[in-house]
Amino acid sequence: MAPALAELCRHPDAPSSTSGRPAGYTRHELAAGDHLLGNRIAQIEQPVRCVARSQGQLAALWAEVHRGLASPAPVLNGTMVILAGMGEQASTGHAIGIDSVLVRADTALVFVTERFPGSGCTEGLLVHTPADAVQVPPAAVVRFHEHRSVAPPCVTEEDPAG
């Protein structure tokens, strides 16, 4: 991770068992325009969860996400940007999405799902770096709730009695 991002980003935690809406939180509805990447490729090789609260932080994050490409950072206008990246993955069957954001007072709960191919599934030979980013109202505290989803196996064992 680039040194400039060390204060904005961290490695994701293990998947959590939280389900449903915790008491007292309201759902921030994510409109299509709130997703800034939508599982597109970012240039961040390690799994990360990032929060940019200022335009300067977002400019540094966006420069890393779009390394080598001219892509101006969105304007925050009183919001913050949350990014979830998977790091390097085989090019087939891997995806990440920020599913929802729940808000209570100064705390935002961000629900992230990483999707993986099932056992025996063909994976591409190229490497890509899936990421999603959303623009949401600011919160002093951001907590990520991780979920991993694995597709069904592509190859199953033959039934020996068959």
N, C-alpha and C. Protein backbone atom coordinates (compact mmCIF):
# COMPACT_ATOMS: atom_id res chain seq x y z
N MET A 1 0.85 -1.17 0.00
CA MET A 1 0.00 0.00 0.00
C MET A 1 0.90 1.23 0.00
N ALA A 2 0.54 2.22 -0.79
CA ALA A 2 1.32 3.45 -0.86
C ALA A 2 1.31 4.14 0.49
N PRO A 3 2.45 4.72 0.89
CA PRO A 3 2.52 5.38 2.21
C PRO A 3 1.44 6.45 2.39
N ALA A 4 1.07 7.15 1.33
CA ALA A 4 0.04 8.19 1.44
C ALA A 4 -1.32 7.61 1.82
N LEU A 5 -1.54 6.32 1.57
CA LEU A 5 -2.83 5.71 1.87
C LEU A 5 -2.87 5.03 3.23
N ALA A 6 -1.74 4.91 3.89
CA ALA A 6 -1.69 4.17 5.15
C ALA A 6 -2.66 4.72 6.19
N GLU A 7 -2.87 6.03 6.22
CA GLU A 7 -3.80 6.58 7.21
C GLU A 7 -5.26 6.50 6.76
N LEU A 8 -5.50 6.24 5.48
CA LEU A 8 -6.87 6.16 4.97
C LEU A 8 -7.39 4.73 4.89
N CYS A 9 -6.46 3.75 4.79
CA CYS A 9 -6.85 2.39 4.48
C CYS A 9 -6.32 1.40 5.51
N ARG A 10 -6.99 0.28 5.58
CA ARG A 10 -6.55 -0.83 6.42
C ARG A 10 -6.93 -2.13 5.73
N HIS A 11 -6.35 -3.22 6.20
CA HIS A 11 -6.71 -4.53 5.66
C HIS A 11 -8.08 -4.93 6.22
N PRO A 12 -8.87 -5.65 5.43
CA PRO A 12 -10.20 -6.04 5.92
C PRO A 12 -10.10 -7.06 7.05
N ASP A 13 -11.12 -7.04 7.89
CA ASP A 13 -11.23 -8.01 8.97
C ASP A 13 -11.79 -9.31 8.43
N ALA A 14 -11.77 -10.33 9.27
CA ALA A 14 -12.41 -11.60 8.91
C ALA A 14 -13.91 -11.36 8.76
N PRO A 15 -14.59 -12.21 8.00
CA PRO A 15 -16.04 -12.05 7.86
C PRO A 15 -16.73 -12.02 9.23
N SER A 16 -17.75 -11.18 9.34
CA SER A 16 -18.48 -11.07 10.60
C SER A 16 -19.79 -11.84 10.50
N SER A 17 -20.36 -12.11 11.65
CA SER A 17 -21.60 -12.88 11.66
C SER A 17 -22.82 -11.98 11.77
N THR A 18 -22.62 -10.67 11.69
CA THR A 18 -23.73 -9.73 11.81
C THR A 18 -24.70 -9.90 10.64
N SER A 19 -25.96 -10.00 10.95
CA SER A 19 -26.96 -10.05 9.89
C SER A 19 -28.12 -9.16 10.30
N GLY A 20 -28.84 -8.69 9.31
CA GLY A 20 -29.98 -7.83 9.60
C GLY A 20 -29.53 -6.44 9.99
N ARG A 21 -30.46 -5.63 10.42
CA ARG A 21 -30.19 -4.24 10.78
C ARG A 21 -30.07 -4.13 12.29
N PRO A 22 -28.90 -3.66 12.79
CA PRO A 22 -28.77 -3.45 14.23
C PRO A 22 -29.75 -2.39 14.71
N ALA A 23 -30.16 -2.49 15.96
CA ALA A 23 -31.14 -1.56 16.52
C ALA A 23 -30.64 -0.12 16.45
N GLY A 24 -31.54 0.78 16.09
CA GLY A 24 -31.23 2.19 16.10
C GLY A 24 -30.58 2.74 14.83
N TYR A 25 -30.25 1.88 13.88
CA TYR A 25 -29.61 2.33 12.64
C TYR A 25 -30.65 2.49 11.54
N THR A 26 -30.43 3.45 10.68
CA THR A 26 -31.27 3.61 9.51
C THR A 26 -30.43 3.34 8.26
N ARG A 27 -31.08 2.80 7.26
CA ARG A 27 -30.38 2.46 6.02
C ARG A 27 -30.21 3.71 5.17
N HIS A 28 -28.97 3.94 4.73
CA HIS A 28 -28.72 4.98 3.72
C HIS A 28 -28.88 4.28 2.37
N GLU A 29 -29.89 4.64 1.65
CA GLU A 29 -30.14 3.99 0.36
C GLU A 29 -29.06 4.39 -0.63
N LEU A 30 -28.40 3.39 -1.19
CA LEU A 30 -27.35 3.63 -2.17
C LEU A 30 -27.97 3.68 -3.56
N ALA A 31 -27.96 4.85 -4.16
CA ALA A 31 -28.44 5.01 -5.53
C ALA A 31 -27.33 4.62 -6.49
N ALA A 32 -27.68 4.36 -7.74
CA ALA A 32 -26.68 3.97 -8.73
C ALA A 32 -25.54 4.97 -8.80
N GLY A 33 -25.84 6.26 -8.68
CA GLY A 33 -24.82 7.29 -8.74
C GLY A 33 -23.90 7.34 -7.54
N ASP A 34 -24.28 6.68 -6.44
CA ASP A 34 -23.43 6.64 -5.24
C ASP A 34 -22.25 5.70 -5.42
N HIS A 35 -22.40 4.69 -6.30
CA HIS A 35 -21.31 3.74 -6.56
C HIS A 35 -20.36 4.37 -7.59
N LEU A 36 -19.14 4.64 -7.16
CA LEU A 36 -18.18 5.34 -8.02
C LEU A 36 -17.34 4.38 -8.84
N LEU A 37 -17.21 3.14 -8.41
CA LEU A 37 -16.43 2.15 -9.16
C LEU A 37 -17.28 0.98 -9.62
N GLY A 38 -18.18 0.50 -8.79
CA GLY A 38 -19.07 -0.59 -9.17
C GLY A 38 -18.36 -1.85 -9.60
N ASN A 39 -17.44 -2.35 -8.76
CA ASN A 39 -16.69 -3.59 -9.00
C ASN A 39 -15.75 -3.48 -10.20
N ARG A 40 -15.36 -2.28 -10.52
CA ARG A 40 -14.37 -2.12 -11.59
C ARG A 40 -12.98 -2.35 -11.02
N ILE A 41 -12.02 -2.30 -11.88
CA ILE A 41 -10.66 -2.58 -11.52
C ILE A 41 -10.02 -1.35 -10.88
N ALA A 42 -9.37 -1.55 -9.75
CA ALA A 42 -8.58 -0.52 -9.10
C ALA A 42 -7.13 -0.97 -9.18
N GLN A 43 -6.22 -0.06 -9.01
CA GLN A 43 -4.80 -0.41 -9.08
C GLN A 43 -4.21 -0.64 -7.69
N ILE A 44 -5.00 -1.19 -6.78
CA ILE A 44 -4.54 -1.45 -5.41
C ILE A 44 -4.39 -2.96 -5.26
N GLU A 45 -3.14 -3.40 -5.10
CA GLU A 45 -2.83 -4.83 -5.15
C GLU A 45 -3.21 -5.60 -3.89
N GLN A 46 -3.40 -4.93 -2.77
CA GLN A 46 -3.72 -5.60 -1.51
C GLN A 46 -5.19 -5.38 -1.15
N PRO A 47 -5.79 -6.32 -0.41
CA PRO A 47 -7.16 -6.09 0.07
C PRO A 47 -7.17 -4.90 1.02
N VAL A 48 -8.09 -3.96 0.82
CA VAL A 48 -8.16 -2.77 1.66
C VAL A 48 -9.60 -2.34 1.90
N ARG A 49 -9.77 -1.58 2.97
CA ARG A 49 -10.99 -0.85 3.25
C ARG A 49 -10.53 0.57 3.56
N CYS A 50 -11.03 1.56 2.82
CA CYS A 50 -10.54 2.93 2.92
C CYS A 50 -11.70 3.90 3.15
N VAL A 51 -11.39 5.01 3.83
CA VAL A 51 -12.35 6.08 4.04
C VAL A 51 -11.64 7.39 3.75
N ALA A 52 -12.18 8.19 2.83
CA ALA A 52 -11.65 9.51 2.50
C ALA A 52 -12.69 10.55 2.92
N ARG A 53 -12.29 11.41 3.86
CA ARG A 53 -13.23 12.41 4.39
C ARG A 53 -12.96 13.82 3.86
N SER A 54 -11.79 14.04 3.29
CA SER A 54 -11.47 15.36 2.74
C SER A 54 -11.14 15.24 1.26
N GLN A 55 -11.19 16.36 0.55
CA GLN A 55 -10.89 16.34 -0.87
C GLN A 55 -9.44 15.93 -1.10
N GLY A 56 -8.52 16.33 -0.22
CA GLY A 56 -7.12 15.94 -0.34
C GLY A 56 -6.94 14.43 -0.17
N GLN A 57 -7.63 13.86 0.82
CA GLN A 57 -7.56 12.41 1.02
C GLN A 57 -8.13 11.68 -0.19
N LEU A 58 -9.24 12.17 -0.72
CA LEU A 58 -9.84 11.53 -1.87
C LEU A 58 -8.94 11.63 -3.10
N ALA A 59 -8.29 12.77 -3.28
CA ALA A 59 -7.37 12.92 -4.41
C ALA A 59 -6.24 11.89 -4.32
N ALA A 60 -5.68 11.68 -3.12
CA ALA A 60 -4.61 10.69 -2.94
C ALA A 60 -5.13 9.27 -3.21
N LEU A 61 -6.31 8.96 -2.69
CA LEU A 61 -6.90 7.64 -2.90
C LEU A 61 -7.21 7.42 -4.38
N TRP A 62 -7.81 8.40 -5.03
CA TRP A 62 -8.20 8.28 -6.44
C TRP A 62 -6.97 8.12 -7.33
N ALA A 63 -5.89 8.82 -6.99
CA ALA A 63 -4.65 8.71 -7.77
C ALA A 63 -4.11 7.29 -7.68
N GLU A 64 -4.24 6.65 -6.52
CA GLU A 64 -3.77 5.27 -6.34
C GLU A 64 -4.70 4.29 -7.06
N VAL A 65 -5.99 4.51 -6.96
CA VAL A 65 -6.97 3.64 -7.61
C VAL A 65 -6.79 3.65 -9.12
N HIS A 66 -6.54 4.82 -9.67
CA HIS A 66 -6.43 5.00 -11.12
C HIS A 66 -4.99 5.26 -11.55
N ARG A 67 -4.05 4.63 -10.86
CA ARG A 67 -2.62 4.84 -11.12
C ARG A 67 -2.32 4.77 -12.61
N GLY A 68 -1.68 5.82 -13.12
CA GLY A 68 -1.29 5.85 -14.53
C GLY A 68 -2.38 6.31 -15.47
N LEU A 69 -3.58 6.57 -14.95
CA LEU A 69 -4.68 7.02 -15.80
C LEU A 69 -5.13 8.40 -15.36
N ALA A 70 -5.52 9.21 -16.28
CA ALA A 70 -6.05 10.53 -15.94
C ALA A 70 -7.52 10.37 -15.57
N SER A 71 -7.81 10.44 -14.29
CA SER A 71 -9.18 10.29 -13.83
C SER A 71 -9.37 11.21 -12.63
N PRO A 72 -10.03 12.35 -12.81
CA PRO A 72 -10.20 13.28 -11.70
C PRO A 72 -11.07 12.68 -10.60
N ALA A 73 -10.72 12.98 -9.38
CA ALA A 73 -11.49 12.50 -8.23
C ALA A 73 -12.84 13.19 -8.19
N PRO A 74 -13.88 12.48 -7.73
CA PRO A 74 -15.18 13.14 -7.55
C PRO A 74 -15.07 14.25 -6.51
N VAL A 75 -16.01 15.16 -6.52
CA VAL A 75 -16.06 16.24 -5.54
C VAL A 75 -16.90 15.76 -4.36
N LEU A 76 -16.38 15.94 -3.15
CA LEU A 76 -17.08 15.41 -1.97
C LEU A 76 -18.36 16.18 -1.63
N ASN A 77 -18.35 17.50 -1.66
CA ASN A 77 -19.54 18.29 -1.34
C ASN A 77 -20.24 17.81 -0.07
N GLY A 78 -19.51 17.73 1.05
CA GLY A 78 -20.11 17.36 2.32
C GLY A 78 -20.35 15.88 2.50
N THR A 79 -19.73 15.04 1.67
CA THR A 79 -19.86 13.59 1.81
C THR A 79 -18.49 12.99 2.09
N MET A 80 -18.43 11.68 2.19
CA MET A 80 -17.16 10.96 2.27
C MET A 80 -17.22 9.82 1.28
N VAL A 81 -16.06 9.27 0.95
CA VAL A 81 -15.99 8.14 0.03
C VAL A 81 -15.43 6.95 0.78
N ILE A 82 -16.10 5.81 0.63
CA ILE A 82 -15.68 4.55 1.22
C ILE A 82 -15.30 3.62 0.08
N LEU A 83 -14.13 3.00 0.18
CA LEU A 83 -13.66 2.08 -0.86
C LEU A 83 -13.37 0.73 -0.24
N ALA A 84 -13.79 -0.32 -0.93
CA ALA A 84 -13.48 -1.70 -0.54
C ALA A 84 -12.81 -2.36 -1.74
N GLY A 85 -11.60 -2.86 -1.55
CA GLY A 85 -10.88 -3.51 -2.64
C GLY A 85 -10.45 -4.91 -2.24
N MET A 86 -10.47 -5.84 -3.20
CA MET A 86 -10.12 -7.24 -2.94
C MET A 86 -8.63 -7.52 -3.08
N GLY A 87 -7.88 -6.62 -3.69
CA GLY A 87 -6.50 -6.92 -4.01
C GLY A 87 -6.44 -7.79 -5.25
N GLU A 88 -5.27 -8.34 -5.54
CA GLU A 88 -5.08 -9.12 -6.76
C GLU A 88 -5.85 -10.44 -6.71
N GLN A 89 -6.62 -10.71 -7.77
CA GLN A 89 -7.42 -11.93 -7.88
C GLN A 89 -7.33 -12.43 -9.32
N ALA A 90 -7.59 -13.72 -9.50
CA ALA A 90 -7.70 -14.26 -10.86
C ALA A 90 -8.86 -13.55 -11.56
N SER A 91 -8.79 -13.46 -12.87
CA SER A 91 -9.72 -12.60 -13.60
C SER A 91 -11.14 -13.12 -13.77
N THR A 92 -11.45 -14.30 -13.29
CA THR A 92 -12.79 -14.84 -13.47
C THR A 92 -13.40 -15.20 -12.12
N GLY A 93 -14.64 -14.78 -11.88
CA GLY A 93 -15.39 -15.23 -10.73
C GLY A 93 -15.20 -14.46 -9.44
N HIS A 94 -14.37 -13.44 -9.43
CA HIS A 94 -14.16 -12.64 -8.22
C HIS A 94 -14.85 -11.30 -8.36
N ALA A 95 -15.53 -10.87 -7.31
CA ALA A 95 -16.23 -9.58 -7.34
C ALA A 95 -16.35 -9.07 -5.91
N ILE A 96 -16.54 -7.77 -5.80
CA ILE A 96 -16.74 -7.15 -4.49
C ILE A 96 -17.81 -6.08 -4.62
N GLY A 97 -18.60 -5.91 -3.58
CA GLY A 97 -19.62 -4.87 -3.61
C GLY A 97 -19.88 -4.32 -2.22
N ILE A 98 -20.11 -3.04 -2.16
CA ILE A 98 -20.60 -2.43 -0.93
C ILE A 98 -22.12 -2.50 -1.04
N ASP A 99 -22.70 -3.39 -0.25
CA ASP A 99 -24.13 -3.70 -0.37
C ASP A 99 -25.03 -2.65 0.26
N SER A 100 -24.63 -2.17 1.44
CA SER A 100 -25.47 -1.19 2.12
C SER A 100 -24.65 -0.45 3.16
N VAL A 101 -25.19 0.69 3.56
CA VAL A 101 -24.58 1.50 4.62
C VAL A 101 -25.70 1.86 5.59
N LEU A 102 -25.50 1.52 6.86
CA LEU A 102 -26.45 1.88 7.90
C LEU A 102 -25.84 2.98 8.75
N VAL A 103 -26.66 3.96 9.17
CA VAL A 103 -26.16 5.13 9.88
C VAL A 103 -26.92 5.31 11.18
N ARG A 104 -26.17 5.64 12.24
CA ARG A 104 -26.76 6.03 13.52
C ARG A 104 -25.84 7.09 14.12
N ALA A 105 -26.37 8.27 14.35
CA ALA A 105 -25.60 9.40 14.90
C ALA A 105 -24.33 9.58 14.07
N ASP A 106 -23.16 9.38 14.69
CA ASP A 106 -21.89 9.61 13.99
C ASP A 106 -21.23 8.33 13.52
N THR A 107 -21.98 7.22 13.45
CA THR A 107 -21.41 5.93 13.08
C THR A 107 -22.07 5.38 11.82
N ALA A 108 -21.22 4.88 10.91
CA ALA A 108 -21.71 4.22 9.69
C ALA A 108 -21.25 2.77 9.70
N LEU A 109 -22.17 1.85 9.47
CA LEU A 109 -21.85 0.44 9.30
C LEU A 109 -21.89 0.15 7.81
N VAL A 110 -20.79 -0.35 7.28
CA VAL A 110 -20.66 -0.59 5.84
C VAL A 110 -20.62 -2.09 5.62
N PHE A 111 -21.59 -2.61 4.86
CA PHE A 111 -21.68 -4.04 4.60
C PHE A 111 -21.06 -4.35 3.24
N VAL A 112 -20.01 -5.17 3.28
CA VAL A 112 -19.22 -5.50 2.09
C VAL A 112 -19.33 -6.99 1.82
N THR A 113 -19.56 -7.36 0.56
CA THR A 113 -19.58 -8.78 0.18
C THR A 113 -18.50 -9.02 -0.87
N GLU A 114 -17.65 -10.01 -0.57
CA GLU A 114 -16.66 -10.49 -1.54
C GLU A 114 -17.19 -11.79 -2.11
N ARG A 115 -17.13 -11.93 -3.44
CA ARG A 115 -17.62 -13.14 -4.10
C ARG A 115 -16.45 -13.89 -4.73
N PHE A 116 -16.45 -15.22 -4.53
CA PHE A 116 -15.38 -16.08 -5.02
C PHE A 116 -15.96 -17.22 -5.85
N PRO A 117 -15.20 -17.73 -6.82
CA PRO A 117 -15.68 -18.87 -7.61
C PRO A 117 -15.70 -20.13 -6.75
N GLY A 118 -16.55 -21.07 -7.13
CA GLY A 118 -16.63 -22.35 -6.43
C GLY A 118 -15.45 -23.25 -6.75
N SER A 119 -15.30 -24.29 -5.97
CA SER A 119 -14.21 -25.23 -6.22
C SER A 119 -14.39 -25.89 -7.57
N GLY A 120 -13.29 -26.09 -8.26
CA GLY A 120 -13.33 -26.72 -9.56
C GLY A 120 -13.71 -25.80 -10.70
N CYS A 121 -14.02 -24.53 -10.41
CA CYS A 121 -14.39 -23.58 -11.45
C CYS A 121 -13.13 -23.04 -12.14
N THR A 122 -13.25 -22.82 -13.42
CA THR A 122 -12.14 -22.28 -14.18
C THR A 122 -11.92 -20.83 -13.79
N GLU A 123 -10.66 -20.49 -13.53
CA GLU A 123 -10.32 -19.11 -13.22
C GLU A 123 -9.43 -18.57 -14.32
N GLY A 124 -9.60 -17.33 -14.68
CA GLY A 124 -8.80 -16.72 -15.73
C GLY A 124 -7.34 -16.62 -15.36
N LEU A 125 -6.50 -16.51 -16.35
CA LEU A 125 -5.07 -16.43 -16.13
C LEU A 125 -4.59 -15.01 -15.86
N LEU A 126 -5.41 -14.03 -16.21
CA LEU A 126 -5.05 -12.65 -15.94
C LEU A 126 -5.34 -12.32 -14.48
N VAL A 127 -4.71 -11.29 -13.98
CA VAL A 127 -4.94 -10.84 -12.61
C VAL A 127 -5.64 -9.49 -12.69
N HIS A 128 -6.67 -9.33 -11.87
CA HIS A 128 -7.32 -8.03 -11.77
C HIS A 128 -7.51 -7.68 -10.30
N THR A 129 -7.95 -6.47 -10.04
CA THR A 129 -8.06 -5.97 -8.67
C THR A 129 -9.45 -5.34 -8.47
N PRO A 130 -10.47 -6.16 -8.24
CA PRO A 130 -11.84 -5.64 -8.10
C PRO A 130 -11.98 -4.70 -6.90
N ALA A 131 -12.78 -3.67 -7.08
CA ALA A 131 -13.04 -2.71 -6.00
C ALA A 131 -14.40 -2.06 -6.20
N ASP A 132 -14.95 -1.57 -5.13
CA ASP A 132 -16.17 -0.78 -5.18
C ASP A 132 -15.96 0.42 -4.27
N ALA A 133 -16.54 1.54 -4.63
CA ALA A 133 -16.46 2.75 -3.81
C ALA A 133 -17.82 3.42 -3.85
N VAL A 134 -18.22 3.95 -2.69
CA VAL A 134 -19.49 4.67 -2.61
C VAL A 134 -19.27 6.02 -1.97
N GLN A 135 -20.12 6.96 -2.35
CA GLN A 135 -20.11 8.29 -1.78
C GLN A 135 -21.34 8.41 -0.89
N VAL A 136 -21.12 8.67 0.40
CA VAL A 136 -22.20 8.66 1.39
C VAL A 136 -22.05 9.85 2.33
N PRO A 137 -23.08 10.16 3.12
CA PRO A 137 -22.96 11.23 4.11
C PRO A 137 -21.82 10.94 5.08
N PRO A 138 -21.17 11.97 5.61
CA PRO A 138 -20.01 11.75 6.48
C PRO A 138 -20.40 11.15 7.83
N ALA A 139 -19.46 10.38 8.38
CA ALA A 139 -19.61 9.80 9.72
C ALA A 139 -18.23 9.79 10.37
N ALA A 140 -18.18 10.07 11.66
CA ALA A 140 -16.90 10.09 12.37
C ALA A 140 -16.33 8.69 12.52
N VAL A 141 -17.20 7.70 12.68
CA VAL A 141 -16.78 6.31 12.88
C VAL A 141 -17.34 5.47 11.73
N VAL A 142 -16.46 4.67 11.11
CA VAL A 142 -16.89 3.77 10.04
C VAL A 142 -16.47 2.36 10.43
N ARG A 143 -17.45 1.46 10.45
CA ARG A 143 -17.17 0.05 10.77
C ARG A 143 -17.59 -0.79 9.57
N PHE A 144 -16.72 -1.71 9.22
CA PHE A 144 -16.99 -2.59 8.08
C PHE A 144 -17.47 -3.93 8.58
N HIS A 145 -18.51 -4.46 7.96
CA HIS A 145 -19.00 -5.80 8.24
C HIS A 145 -18.78 -6.61 6.97
N GLU A 146 -17.97 -7.65 7.10
CA GLU A 146 -17.51 -8.42 5.95
C GLU A 146 -18.33 -9.70 5.76
N HIS A 147 -18.61 -10.01 4.50
CA HIS A 147 -19.27 -11.26 4.15
C HIS A 147 -18.55 -11.84 2.94
N ARG A 148 -18.31 -13.13 2.96
CA ARG A 148 -17.71 -13.80 1.81
C ARG A 148 -18.70 -14.80 1.26
N SER A 149 -18.87 -14.76 -0.04
CA SER A 149 -19.80 -15.65 -0.72
C SER A 149 -19.02 -16.49 -1.73
N VAL A 150 -19.17 -17.80 -1.64
CA VAL A 150 -18.49 -18.71 -2.57
C VAL A 150 -19.55 -19.39 -3.42
N ALA A 151 -19.33 -19.35 -4.73
CA ALA A 151 -20.28 -19.96 -5.67
C ALA A 151 -20.28 -21.48 -5.49
N PRO A 152 -21.32 -22.14 -5.94
CA PRO A 152 -21.36 -23.62 -5.87
C PRO A 152 -20.21 -24.21 -6.69
N PRO A 153 -19.79 -25.42 -6.35
CA PRO A 153 -18.72 -26.07 -7.10
C PRO A 153 -19.10 -26.24 -8.57
N CYS A 154 -18.10 -26.11 -9.43
CA CYS A 154 -18.34 -26.30 -10.87
C CYS A 154 -18.19 -27.77 -11.25
N VAL A 155 -17.42 -28.50 -10.48
CA VAL A 155 -17.19 -29.92 -10.73
C VAL A 155 -17.56 -30.66 -9.45
N THR A 156 -18.39 -31.67 -9.58
CA THR A 156 -18.76 -32.47 -8.42
C THR A 156 -18.21 -33.87 -8.56
N GLU A 157 -18.02 -34.52 -7.46
CA GLU A 157 -17.55 -35.90 -7.46
C GLU A 157 -18.61 -36.80 -8.08
N GLU A 158 -18.17 -37.76 -8.88
CA GLU A 158 -19.11 -38.76 -9.42
C GLU A 158 -19.62 -39.64 -8.28
N ASP A 159 -20.87 -40.01 -8.36
CA ASP A 159 -21.44 -40.92 -7.36
C ASP A 159 -20.89 -42.32 -7.63
N PRO A 160 -20.11 -42.88 -6.67
CA PRO A 160 -19.51 -44.20 -6.91
C PRO A 160 -20.55 -45.29 -7.10
N ALA A 161 -21.75 -45.10 -6.60
CA ALA A 161 -22.80 -46.13 -6.75
C ALA A 161 -23.45 -46.03 -8.13
N GLY A 162 -23.22 -44.86 -8.81
CA GLY A 162 -23.83 -44.43 -10.01
C GLY A 162 -24.19 -45.31 -11.05
